[in-house]
Amino acid sequence: MTAPSGLSSALRITARYSLSRPGGSTLPVRGIFTKSTAPPPSPLRTGLYATILAVSTGLFAVYYFDSRSALHRYFLTPALRYTLSPENGHKVAVKVLRSGLGPRDPVTDDARLTAELWGEEISNPVGLAAGFDKNGEAIDGLFDLGFSWVEIGSVTPKPQAGNPQPRVFHLPEDAGLINRYGFPSEGQASVLSRLRSRIPSFLLPSTSTTSESPSTHSPQHASLRSGALLAVNLGKNKTSSAESIDDFLSGVKTFGPYADVLVVNVSSPNTPGLRGLQNRQALEDLLSGVIKARNDLPLPRLTHAKPKILVKLAPDLDTIQLEEIAEVIRTSGIDGVIISNTTVQRPSGLINPNKSEQGGFSGPLLKPLSISALRTLRTHLPSSIPIIGCGGISSGQDALEFARAGAAMVQMYTHFGYGGAGACRRVKDEIEVELKKEGKTWKDVVNEATEKLAWKEPKKEKGTVELLIEEALQLNDLLDKLGEKIDLGAGATRGNAPAQEEAHKSASSVGESASVAVTVPQSATA
């Protein structure tokens, strides 16, 4: 039904009137495309938001860069483990530490933690084993986490890809790891360039073949930090012949001027034939060659000291093998031993299905094997040859157990992967708590164990000739004393000539016996 035209006109007039403003102006009619005008921002509100953002960012940065933060242990590290493959998670961790954006240990090491190697004090007894930073990418990032010993490698002379992937397997229920990496390495040239790039130019060794004059700067460690050591683990290319030692000699010559310690790795289970170099004759040849190569190095400009040479052994050696190796080491000039590498055995307590994978196992269940091998070696090596314990260390109590078995220091690997950036700090704190309870220092524990357990040079049994010489000397002493008595009594018994004559005869008889006793063995030893 349509409204009358008059009514329609009235409605239009009324609507127009209702939209008009007082004073006669009309209100704007908002169309479909009309935009509303936002009120101008308040400077006070903007400043408040900016302040909150800056403070929040700063607090998060402080929290993130502190390696003790729960963020690393309970969020970031598990996130890497469960979202990426083991090898890719490993690579990401290395890249973060390489970038300089990794967390740091902000705590100064307590004096109780001071360790000693070769007469030199080390800030704490916890080091990082080889295998994490294979190509020397994150050296300083790892030292920032509180390790006093960072060992890079294994480094092979030529680049090689290692074994096919997958080659790393987590065993989370066992806090363990199985790897069959097979020495993937960028090669000596690449790693050497990274080591050189860390060092100030005036401390770099000369590239000329002429002998260089000694530097006048104060000697320092290759780690470029006081109380810390940088080690390079030397590996062997898979294509090299099993019995050849040339790869190790090349490593000594290449890295000698840039490392505090060089580690000869003859114990990886993932390179065919490598463990054969632990056999007595092969090891003698290897160690004598390596020591000669080290001794032939010129004095490094950086450290003013030639690198120490250590050998890294497997935990799968039996007692007889370890005793034979100890005999070789005692006469080789080697500076120390690391015990142990991963094991090809599978401890009975393993749960995770990955336990059936081929490769070397590491984790807490490796500790009994490593401790046993350590005790055997300690009783067959003198205190002058330190042993570094490695294998299954995941707490301060574990570290002290190694110390009580005679280890001068310890190294971590698998626990670092599971415990995250704060693992080193936590282990050091746990060691400190235990030492406070006992009222001892780390050096006290190590020295007590070494004094009790270390091998000592057996005393030589005296042969017939030595016994005759000793008896002759005793007779000579008796003769001297008898002569003194005769002289003293001569004045009192001058009138007793027969007695005095008899005494002189007795003295002459003793003298002749002593002379014969001395003469016979001397001729026998000629």
Protein backbone atom coordinates (compact mmCIF):
# COMPACT_ATOMS: atom_id res chain seq x y z
CA MET A 1 0.00 0.00 0.00
CA THR A 2 1.46 3.35 -1.05
CA ALA A 3 1.46 6.38 1.32
CA PRO A 4 -0.26 9.59 0.09
CA SER A 5 2.00 12.10 -1.60
CA GLY A 6 1.35 14.76 1.06
CA LEU A 7 2.33 12.43 3.86
CA SER A 8 5.51 11.43 2.04
CA SER A 9 6.54 15.06 1.69
CA ALA A 10 5.89 15.70 5.37
CA LEU A 11 8.09 12.78 6.41
CA ARG A 12 10.98 14.02 4.27
CA ILE A 13 10.77 17.51 5.82
CA THR A 14 10.66 16.06 9.34
CA ALA A 15 13.72 13.83 8.74
CA ARG A 16 15.66 16.77 7.31
CA TYR A 17 14.80 18.86 10.32
CA SER A 18 15.81 16.14 12.79
CA LEU A 19 19.29 15.96 11.28
CA SER A 20 19.89 19.67 11.55
CA ARG A 21 22.12 21.11 14.35
CA PRO A 22 21.20 24.00 16.57
CA GLY A 23 22.12 27.16 14.79
CA GLY A 24 20.87 25.87 11.52
CA SER A 25 23.90 23.75 10.43
CA THR A 26 23.23 20.23 9.29
CA LEU A 27 25.08 17.14 10.62
CA PRO A 28 27.28 15.42 8.06
CA VAL A 29 25.80 12.32 6.68
CA ARG A 30 28.35 9.38 6.90
CA GLY A 31 28.57 7.50 3.66
CA ILE A 32 29.77 4.01 3.05
CA PHE A 33 33.36 5.07 2.21
CA THR A 34 33.75 7.76 4.83
CA LYS A 35 36.82 7.21 7.15
CA SER A 36 36.78 8.11 10.82
CA THR A 37 39.60 10.32 12.08
CA ALA A 38 41.71 8.72 14.85
CA PRO A 39 42.47 10.84 17.88
CA PRO A 40 46.08 12.09 18.01
CA PRO A 41 48.47 9.76 19.98
CA SER A 42 49.24 10.69 23.53
CA PRO A 43 52.99 11.32 24.09
CA LEU A 44 52.68 9.96 27.63
CA ARG A 45 51.12 6.70 26.45
CA THR A 46 53.73 6.26 23.70
CA GLY A 47 56.58 6.78 26.13
CA LEU A 48 55.07 4.31 28.57
CA TYR A 49 54.78 1.61 25.90
CA ALA A 50 58.34 2.22 24.71
CA THR A 51 59.66 2.01 28.27
CA ILE A 52 57.83 -1.27 28.93
CA LEU A 53 59.19 -2.73 25.69
CA ALA A 54 62.77 -1.66 26.44
CA VAL A 55 62.70 -2.96 30.02
CA SER A 56 61.15 -6.26 28.93
CA THR A 57 63.73 -6.70 26.19
CA GLY A 58 66.55 -5.91 28.60
CA LEU A 59 65.30 -8.31 31.24
CA PHE A 60 64.87 -11.06 28.67
CA ALA A 61 68.39 -10.42 27.35
CA VAL A 62 69.86 -10.64 30.87
CA TYR A 63 67.92 -13.86 31.44
CA TYR A 64 68.87 -15.35 28.07
CA PHE A 65 72.58 -14.53 28.25
CA ASP A 66 72.89 -16.11 31.72
CA SER A 67 73.71 -19.76 31.06
CA ARG A 68 72.14 -20.73 34.40
CA SER A 69 68.66 -19.70 33.22
CA ALA A 70 66.03 -22.43 33.22
CA LEU A 71 65.14 -21.21 29.73
CA HIS A 72 68.12 -23.09 28.30
CA ARG A 73 67.71 -26.30 30.25
CA TYR A 74 63.95 -26.73 30.09
CA PHE A 75 62.90 -24.97 26.88
CA LEU A 76 65.54 -24.16 24.26
CA THR A 77 67.60 -27.36 24.52
CA PRO A 78 64.57 -29.72 24.53
CA ALA A 79 63.05 -27.71 21.68
CA LEU A 80 66.14 -28.35 19.55
CA ARG A 81 66.14 -32.01 20.51
CA TYR A 82 62.49 -32.67 19.69
CA THR A 83 61.99 -30.43 16.65
CA LEU A 84 65.19 -31.15 14.71
CA SER A 85 67.17 -34.25 13.89
CA PRO A 86 70.09 -34.87 16.29
CA GLU A 87 72.66 -33.76 13.73
CA ASN A 88 70.76 -30.62 12.67
CA GLY A 89 70.15 -29.67 16.30
CA HIS A 90 73.88 -30.07 16.90
CA LYS A 91 74.67 -27.77 13.96
CA VAL A 92 72.24 -25.08 15.15
CA ALA A 93 73.82 -25.07 18.62
CA VAL A 94 77.28 -24.63 17.12
CA LYS A 95 76.10 -21.76 14.89
CA VAL A 96 74.48 -19.93 17.82
CA LEU A 97 77.65 -20.16 19.90
CA ARG A 98 79.71 -19.12 16.89
CA SER A 99 77.58 -15.99 16.35
CA GLY A 100 78.55 -14.43 19.67
CA LEU A 101 74.87 -14.42 20.72
CA GLY A 102 75.15 -17.46 22.93
CA PRO A 103 74.71 -17.41 26.73
CA ARG A 104 77.61 -17.02 29.15
CA ASP A 105 78.67 -18.24 32.56
CA PRO A 106 78.62 -15.03 34.64
CA VAL A 107 80.15 -16.54 37.79
CA THR A 108 83.85 -16.43 38.69
CA ASP A 109 85.18 -19.88 39.55
CA ASP A 110 85.75 -20.50 43.25
CA ALA A 111 89.37 -21.06 44.31
CA ARG A 112 88.43 -24.56 45.51
CA LEU A 113 87.87 -25.56 41.88
CA THR A 114 91.40 -24.75 40.74
CA ALA A 115 93.02 -27.70 38.98
CA GLU A 116 96.67 -28.24 38.11
CA LEU A 117 98.23 -29.63 34.95
CA TRP A 118 101.98 -29.78 34.30
CA GLY A 119 102.63 -27.41 37.19
CA GLU A 120 100.19 -24.80 35.90
CA GLU A 121 96.93 -23.74 37.51
CA ILE A 122 93.69 -24.15 35.54
CA SER A 123 90.62 -22.18 36.67
CA ASN A 124 88.38 -25.23 37.09
CA PRO A 125 88.49 -28.97 36.36
CA VAL A 126 85.65 -29.19 33.80
CA GLY A 127 86.49 -29.34 30.08
CA LEU A 128 84.60 -30.06 26.88
CA ALA A 129 85.55 -33.21 25.00
CA ALA A 130 86.20 -33.36 21.27
CA GLY A 131 83.25 -33.99 18.98
CA PHE A 132 81.02 -31.01 19.68
CA ASP A 133 82.95 -28.33 17.77
CA LYS A 134 84.50 -30.43 15.05
CA ASN A 135 85.80 -27.56 12.91
CA GLY A 136 86.77 -24.91 15.45
CA GLU A 137 83.78 -22.67 14.74
CA ALA A 138 82.63 -21.81 18.28
CA ILE A 139 85.80 -21.82 20.41
CA ASP A 140 85.17 -18.55 22.23
CA GLY A 141 81.45 -19.21 22.64
CA LEU A 142 82.32 -22.48 24.40
CA PHE A 143 84.89 -20.86 26.68
CA ASP A 144 82.19 -18.29 27.56
CA LEU A 145 80.07 -21.13 28.98
CA GLY A 146 82.73 -21.72 31.66
CA PHE A 147 84.76 -24.62 30.29
CA SER A 148 88.45 -24.43 31.22
CA TRP A 149 89.43 -26.79 28.40
CA VAL A 150 87.89 -26.70 24.93
CA GLU A 151 88.91 -29.50 22.58
CA ILE A 152 88.02 -29.08 18.92
CA GLY A 153 88.01 -31.81 16.28
CA SER A 154 88.71 -34.46 15.38
CA VAL A 155 90.43 -32.68 12.49
CA THR A 156 91.69 -34.70 9.52
CA PRO A 157 94.37 -33.52 7.07
CA LYS A 158 92.02 -33.57 4.07
CA PRO A 159 88.31 -32.67 4.07
CA GLN A 160 86.02 -35.67 4.32
CA ALA A 161 82.26 -36.12 4.65
CA GLY A 162 82.27 -38.88 7.23
CA ASN A 163 79.77 -41.72 7.29
CA PRO A 164 76.33 -41.57 5.60
CA GLN A 165 73.40 -40.00 7.47
CA PRO A 166 71.62 -40.67 9.74
CA ARG A 167 74.62 -41.19 11.96
CA VAL A 168 73.60 -39.71 15.35
CA PHE A 169 70.88 -41.14 17.60
CA HIS A 170 69.43 -39.86 20.85
CA LEU A 171 68.55 -42.23 23.67
CA PRO A 172 66.50 -39.84 25.86
CA GLU A 173 65.41 -42.40 28.45
CA ASP A 174 69.07 -43.25 29.00
CA ALA A 175 70.35 -39.65 28.66
CA GLY A 176 72.67 -41.22 26.11
CA LEU A 177 73.85 -40.90 22.54
CA ILE A 178 75.09 -43.22 19.83
CA ASN A 179 77.11 -41.73 17.00
CA ARG A 180 78.90 -43.09 13.98
CA TYR A 181 80.00 -39.76 12.54
CA GLY A 182 83.24 -41.15 11.11
CA PHE A 183 85.31 -37.93 11.46
CA PRO A 184 83.38 -35.48 9.23
CA SER A 185 85.90 -32.67 8.87
CA GLU A 186 86.49 -29.56 6.81
CA GLY A 187 90.19 -30.43 6.86
CA GLN A 188 93.28 -28.85 8.37
CA ALA A 189 93.44 -25.82 6.09
CA SER A 190 89.93 -24.62 6.97
CA VAL A 191 90.33 -25.14 10.71
CA LEU A 192 93.77 -23.53 10.67
CA SER A 193 92.37 -20.37 9.07
CA ARG A 194 89.81 -20.09 11.89
CA LEU A 195 92.46 -20.53 14.56
CA ARG A 196 94.62 -17.85 12.96
CA SER A 197 91.68 -15.44 12.67
CA ARG A 198 91.28 -15.45 16.48
CA ILE A 199 94.84 -14.36 17.12
CA PRO A 200 96.06 -10.74 17.01
CA SER A 201 98.26 -10.24 13.95
CA PHE A 202 101.39 -9.36 15.92
CA LEU A 203 101.23 -12.75 17.66
CA LEU A 204 100.84 -14.81 14.50
CA PRO A 205 103.78 -17.04 13.55
CA SER A 206 105.83 -15.87 10.60
CA THR A 207 104.99 -17.48 7.26
CA SER A 208 108.57 -17.20 6.06
CA THR A 209 110.92 -20.17 6.13
CA THR A 210 113.68 -18.22 7.86
CA SER A 211 114.05 -18.46 11.59
CA GLU A 212 112.21 -15.71 13.43
CA SER A 213 113.44 -13.85 16.46
CA PRO A 214 111.56 -14.60 19.66
CA SER A 215 108.66 -12.32 20.47
CA THR A 216 108.97 -9.93 23.40
CA HIS A 217 105.31 -10.18 24.50
CA SER A 218 104.33 -12.09 27.61
CA PRO A 219 103.53 -15.73 26.83
CA GLN A 220 99.89 -16.72 26.94
CA HIS A 221 97.73 -19.68 26.18
CA ALA A 222 96.45 -20.47 22.72
CA SER A 223 93.01 -20.18 24.32
CA LEU A 224 93.77 -16.44 24.72
CA ARG A 225 92.43 -16.74 28.28
CA SER A 226 94.17 -17.18 31.59
CA GLY A 227 93.59 -20.47 33.34
CA ALA A 228 92.17 -22.15 30.22
CA LEU A 229 93.59 -24.43 27.52
CA LEU A 230 92.76 -24.94 23.84
CA ALA A 231 93.23 -28.47 22.52
CA VAL A 232 93.07 -29.84 18.99
CA ASN A 233 92.08 -33.47 18.54
CA LEU A 234 93.92 -35.04 15.62
CA GLY A 235 92.12 -37.57 13.45
CA LYS A 236 92.97 -39.69 10.48
CA ASN A 237 91.46 -39.70 6.99
CA LYS A 238 89.51 -42.81 6.12
CA THR A 239 91.47 -43.15 2.87
CA SER A 240 94.84 -43.28 4.65
CA SER A 241 96.43 -46.67 5.20
CA ALA A 242 95.67 -48.18 8.59
CA GLU A 243 99.29 -48.43 9.74
CA SER A 244 100.41 -44.98 8.53
CA ILE A 245 101.12 -42.25 11.10
CA ASP A 246 101.57 -39.47 8.52
CA ASP A 247 98.16 -37.90 9.20
CA PHE A 248 99.06 -37.39 12.87
CA LEU A 249 102.48 -35.98 12.03
CA SER A 250 100.81 -33.53 9.65
CA GLY A 251 98.43 -32.46 12.42
CA VAL A 252 101.30 -31.80 14.83
CA LYS A 253 103.13 -29.63 12.30
CA THR A 254 99.98 -27.73 11.29
CA PHE A 255 98.43 -27.01 14.68
CA GLY A 256 101.49 -27.06 16.95
CA PRO A 257 101.94 -23.25 16.93
CA TYR A 258 98.22 -22.60 17.62
CA ALA A 259 97.28 -25.06 20.37
CA ASP A 260 98.13 -25.61 24.02
CA VAL A 261 97.49 -29.34 23.67
CA LEU A 262 97.38 -31.81 20.77
CA VAL A 263 95.39 -35.01 21.30
CA VAL A 264 96.23 -38.14 19.29
CA ASN A 265 92.92 -39.93 18.78
CA VAL A 266 93.48 -43.66 18.28
CA SER A 267 90.22 -44.75 19.89
CA SER A 268 87.27 -43.72 17.73
CA PRO A 269 85.25 -46.83 16.84
CA ASN A 270 83.92 -45.26 13.63
CA THR A 271 87.10 -45.22 11.50
CA PRO A 272 88.15 -48.67 10.26
CA GLY A 273 91.53 -49.80 11.59
CA LEU A 274 92.05 -46.78 13.87
CA ARG A 275 91.84 -48.69 17.14
CA GLY A 276 94.52 -51.03 15.83
CA LEU A 277 97.00 -48.24 16.59
CA GLN A 278 96.46 -49.01 20.29
CA ASN A 279 98.41 -52.27 19.82
CA ARG A 280 101.80 -52.14 21.48
CA GLN A 281 104.19 -51.96 18.53
CA ALA A 282 101.96 -49.67 16.47
CA LEU A 283 101.50 -47.34 19.45
CA GLU A 284 105.25 -47.22 20.11
CA ASP A 285 105.92 -46.19 16.52
CA LEU A 286 103.11 -43.63 16.54
CA LEU A 287 104.01 -41.95 19.81
CA SER A 288 107.74 -41.79 19.07
CA GLY A 289 106.98 -40.19 15.70
CA VAL A 290 104.54 -37.68 17.16
CA ILE A 291 106.91 -36.69 19.97
CA LYS A 292 109.75 -36.17 17.50
CA ALA A 293 107.52 -34.02 15.28
CA ARG A 294 106.52 -31.92 18.31
CA ASN A 295 110.10 -31.53 19.49
CA ASP A 296 111.19 -30.40 16.01
CA LEU A 297 108.70 -27.50 16.04
CA PRO A 298 110.11 -23.99 16.47
CA LEU A 299 109.13 -22.25 19.70
CA PRO A 300 105.67 -20.72 19.05
CA ARG A 301 105.48 -16.94 19.14
CA LEU A 302 102.07 -17.05 20.83
CA THR A 303 102.64 -19.37 23.77
CA HIS A 304 106.46 -19.53 24.05
CA ALA A 305 105.95 -23.26 24.70
CA LYS A 306 105.55 -26.29 22.49
CA PRO A 307 102.19 -28.04 22.81
CA LYS A 308 101.62 -30.92 25.19
CA ILE A 309 100.88 -34.26 23.53
CA LEU A 310 98.12 -36.51 24.88
CA VAL A 311 96.76 -39.81 23.63
CA LYS A 312 93.05 -40.66 23.83
CA LEU A 313 92.19 -44.30 24.56
CA ALA A 314 89.11 -46.51 24.34
CA PRO A 315 87.19 -47.87 27.36
CA ASP A 316 86.96 -51.30 25.73
CA LEU A 317 90.59 -52.28 26.35
CA ASP A 318 91.15 -55.12 28.80
CA THR A 319 93.50 -54.96 31.78
CA ILE A 320 96.45 -56.59 29.98
CA GLN A 321 96.13 -54.18 27.03
CA LEU A 322 95.98 -51.19 29.36
CA GLU A 323 99.06 -52.36 31.24
CA GLU A 324 100.99 -52.78 27.97
CA ILE A 325 99.88 -49.33 26.79
CA ALA A 326 100.98 -47.83 30.12
CA GLU A 327 104.46 -49.34 29.66
CA VAL A 328 104.69 -47.73 26.21
CA ILE A 329 103.48 -44.37 27.52
CA ARG A 330 105.97 -44.35 30.42
CA THR A 331 108.92 -44.43 28.04
CA SER A 332 107.43 -42.45 25.14
CA GLY A 333 107.64 -38.87 26.40
CA ILE A 334 103.86 -38.42 26.12
CA ASP A 335 102.54 -35.69 28.44
CA GLY A 336 99.18 -37.21 29.41
CA VAL A 337 96.25 -39.50 28.65
CA ILE A 338 92.52 -39.01 28.10
CA ILE A 339 90.40 -41.97 29.13
CA SER A 340 88.01 -42.62 27.52
CA ASN A 341 86.31 -42.36 24.13
CA THR A 342 82.90 -43.88 23.33
CA THR A 343 82.29 -47.61 23.71
CA VAL A 344 81.15 -50.22 21.22
CA GLN A 345 79.61 -52.14 24.10
CA ARG A 346 75.94 -51.72 25.06
CA PRO A 347 75.50 -51.50 28.84
CA SER A 348 72.74 -53.80 30.10
CA GLY A 349 70.61 -50.96 31.49
CA LEU A 350 69.87 -49.29 28.15
CA ILE A 351 66.15 -48.82 27.40
CA ASN A 352 65.70 -46.80 24.21
CA PRO A 353 65.25 -48.81 20.99
CA ASN A 354 68.09 -46.85 19.37
CA LYS A 355 70.49 -48.91 21.49
CA SER A 356 70.70 -51.34 18.56
CA GLU A 357 72.22 -48.70 16.26
CA GLN A 358 75.83 -49.15 15.25
CA GLY A 359 78.42 -46.71 16.59
CA GLY A 360 79.97 -45.49 19.82
CA PHE A 361 77.77 -45.10 22.90
CA SER A 362 78.21 -42.25 25.38
CA GLY A 363 76.18 -41.23 28.41
CA PRO A 364 75.92 -41.98 32.16
CA LEU A 365 76.07 -45.75 31.64
CA LEU A 366 79.55 -45.36 30.12
CA LYS A 367 80.95 -44.21 33.48
CA PRO A 368 81.67 -47.66 35.03
CA LEU A 369 83.77 -48.64 32.00
CA SER A 370 85.68 -45.35 31.98
CA ILE A 371 86.31 -45.37 35.74
CA SER A 372 87.58 -48.94 35.61
CA ALA A 373 90.00 -48.13 32.78
CA LEU A 374 91.12 -44.99 34.62
CA ARG A 375 91.95 -46.90 37.81
CA THR A 376 93.98 -49.46 35.88
CA LEU A 377 95.96 -46.78 34.04
CA ARG A 378 96.54 -44.69 37.17
CA THR A 379 98.20 -47.61 38.94
CA HIS A 380 100.52 -48.13 35.96
CA LEU A 381 101.45 -44.51 35.19
CA PRO A 382 103.58 -42.18 37.35
CA SER A 383 102.10 -39.04 38.89
CA SER A 384 104.09 -36.94 36.38
CA ILE A 385 101.74 -38.15 33.63
CA PRO A 386 98.26 -36.70 34.31
CA ILE A 387 95.10 -38.50 33.25
CA ILE A 388 91.97 -36.67 32.14
CA GLY A 389 88.74 -38.52 32.85
CA CYS A 390 85.95 -38.59 30.29
CA GLY A 391 82.86 -40.73 29.88
CA GLY A 392 79.50 -40.60 31.66
CA ILE A 393 80.08 -37.44 33.71
CA SER A 394 76.77 -35.68 34.39
CA SER A 395 77.16 -34.28 37.91
CA GLY A 396 79.66 -32.89 40.37
CA GLN A 397 79.59 -36.20 42.24
CA ASP A 398 80.59 -38.00 39.02
CA ALA A 399 83.49 -35.58 38.51
CA LEU A 400 84.74 -36.15 42.07
CA GLU A 401 84.51 -39.91 41.59
CA PHE A 402 86.92 -39.55 38.67
CA ALA A 403 89.18 -37.33 40.79
CA ARG A 404 89.28 -39.95 43.56
CA ALA A 405 90.32 -42.49 40.95
CA GLY A 406 93.27 -40.26 40.03
CA ALA A 407 91.98 -37.98 37.23
CA ALA A 408 93.52 -34.50 37.21
CA MET A 409 90.57 -33.06 35.23
CA VAL A 410 87.35 -34.25 33.61
CA GLN A 411 85.58 -33.68 30.29
CA MET A 412 81.90 -33.62 29.35
CA TYR A 413 80.20 -34.29 26.04
CA THR A 414 76.79 -36.01 26.10
CA HIS A 415 75.59 -34.30 29.28
CA PHE A 416 76.33 -30.95 27.68
CA GLY A 417 73.97 -31.87 24.85
CA TYR A 418 71.17 -32.87 27.22
CA GLY A 419 71.74 -30.31 29.98
CA GLY A 420 72.18 -27.28 27.73
CA ALA A 421 74.27 -24.16 28.10
CA GLY A 422 74.26 -24.24 31.91
CA ALA A 423 75.52 -27.81 32.27
CA CYS A 424 79.12 -26.77 32.92
CA ARG A 425 78.14 -24.21 35.58
CA ARG A 426 75.87 -26.68 37.39
CA VAL A 427 78.55 -29.37 37.54
CA LYS A 428 81.08 -26.86 38.87
CA ASP A 429 78.61 -25.67 41.52
CA GLU A 430 77.95 -29.26 42.59
CA ILE A 431 81.69 -29.94 42.87
CA GLU A 432 82.09 -26.82 44.98
CA VAL A 433 79.29 -27.85 47.37
CA GLU A 434 80.85 -31.29 47.90
CA LEU A 435 84.33 -29.84 48.43
CA LYS A 436 82.98 -27.42 51.05
CA LYS A 437 81.42 -30.33 52.93
CA GLU A 438 84.74 -32.15 52.97
CA GLY A 439 86.82 -29.05 53.68
CA LYS A 440 89.03 -29.78 50.69
CA THR A 441 89.98 -28.36 47.32
CA TRP A 442 89.93 -30.15 43.97
CA LYS A 443 93.73 -30.31 44.06
CA ASP A 444 93.62 -31.90 47.52
CA VAL A 445 91.38 -34.70 46.25
CA VAL A 446 93.49 -35.31 43.14
CA ASN A 447 96.82 -35.20 44.99
CA GLU A 448 95.64 -37.64 47.66
CA ALA A 449 94.43 -40.10 45.03
CA THR A 450 97.52 -39.76 42.87
CA GLU A 451 99.88 -40.21 45.79
CA LYS A 452 98.04 -43.35 46.80
CA LEU A 453 97.41 -44.90 43.38
CA ALA A 454 100.10 -43.70 40.95
CA TRP A 455 102.76 -46.07 39.71
CA LYS A 456 106.16 -45.72 41.37
CA GLU A 457 109.53 -46.86 40.10
CA PRO A 458 110.25 -50.19 41.78
CA LYS A 459 113.38 -50.35 43.92
CA LYS A 460 116.10 -52.43 42.32
CA GLU A 461 117.19 -55.51 44.25
CA LYS A 462 120.85 -55.49 45.12
CA GLY A 463 122.96 -58.08 43.36
CA THR A 464 125.98 -59.97 44.70
CA VAL A 465 128.46 -57.32 43.58
CA GLU A 466 126.51 -54.48 45.19
CA LEU A 467 126.23 -56.42 48.45
CA LEU A 468 129.99 -57.12 48.52
CA ILE A 469 130.75 -53.44 47.98
CA GLU A 470 128.35 -52.47 50.77
CA GLU A 471 129.98 -54.98 53.15
CA ALA A 472 133.45 -53.70 52.26
CA LEU A 473 132.42 -50.16 53.08
CA GLN A 474 131.04 -51.30 56.41
CA LEU A 475 134.31 -53.07 57.17
CA ASN A 476 136.24 -49.92 56.34
CA ASP A 477 134.07 -47.99 58.82
CA LEU A 478 134.77 -50.60 61.47
CA LEU A 479 138.50 -50.36 60.73
CA ASP A 480 138.43 -46.59 61.17
CA LYS A 481 136.62 -46.88 64.49
CA LEU A 482 139.04 -49.60 65.70
CA GLY A 483 141.99 -47.44 64.77
CA GLU A 484 140.55 -44.53 66.75
CA LYS A 485 140.15 -46.75 69.81
CA ILE A 486 143.74 -47.98 69.49
CA ASP A 487 145.05 -44.43 69.33
CA LEU A 488 143.00 -43.39 72.35
CA GLY A 489 144.13 -46.36 74.40
CA ALA A 490 147.77 -46.13 73.38
CA GLY A 491 148.60 -43.52 75.98
CA ALA A 492 147.05 -45.49 78.83
CA THR A 493 148.67 -48.79 77.92
CA ARG A 494 152.12 -47.76 76.75
CA GLY A 495 153.76 -50.37 79.04
CA ASN A 496 151.65 -53.21 77.67
CA ALA A 497 153.59 -53.78 74.44
CA PRO A 498 152.36 -57.33 73.75
CA ALA A 499 148.69 -56.23 73.94
CA GLN A 500 149.36 -53.25 71.69
CA GLU A 501 151.15 -55.45 69.17
CA GLU A 502 148.17 -57.86 69.15
CA ALA A 503 145.73 -54.98 68.53
CA HIS A 504 147.78 -53.78 65.54
CA LYS A 505 147.78 -57.30 64.13
CA SER A 506 143.97 -57.42 64.44
CA ALA A 507 143.63 -54.06 62.70
CA SER A 508 145.91 -55.21 59.90
CA SER A 509 143.85 -58.35 59.48
CA VAL A 510 140.58 -56.37 59.23
CA GLY A 511 142.16 -53.94 56.78
CA GLU A 512 143.28 -56.77 54.51
CA SER A 513 139.78 -58.29 54.54
CA ALA A 514 138.23 -54.95 53.63
CA SER A 515 140.74 -54.45 50.86
CA VAL A 516 139.96 -57.84 49.40
CA ALA A 517 136.21 -57.22 49.66
CA VAL A 518 136.51 -53.94 47.79
CA THR A 519 138.92 -55.22 45.16
CA VAL A 520 136.96 -58.30 44.14
CA PRO A 521 133.61 -56.65 43.31
CA GLN A 522 135.27 -53.71 41.58
CA SER A 523 137.05 -56.07 39.21
CA ALA A 524 133.82 -58.01 38.78
CA THR A 525 131.95 -54.89 37.58
CA ALA A 526 134.58 -53.88 35.05
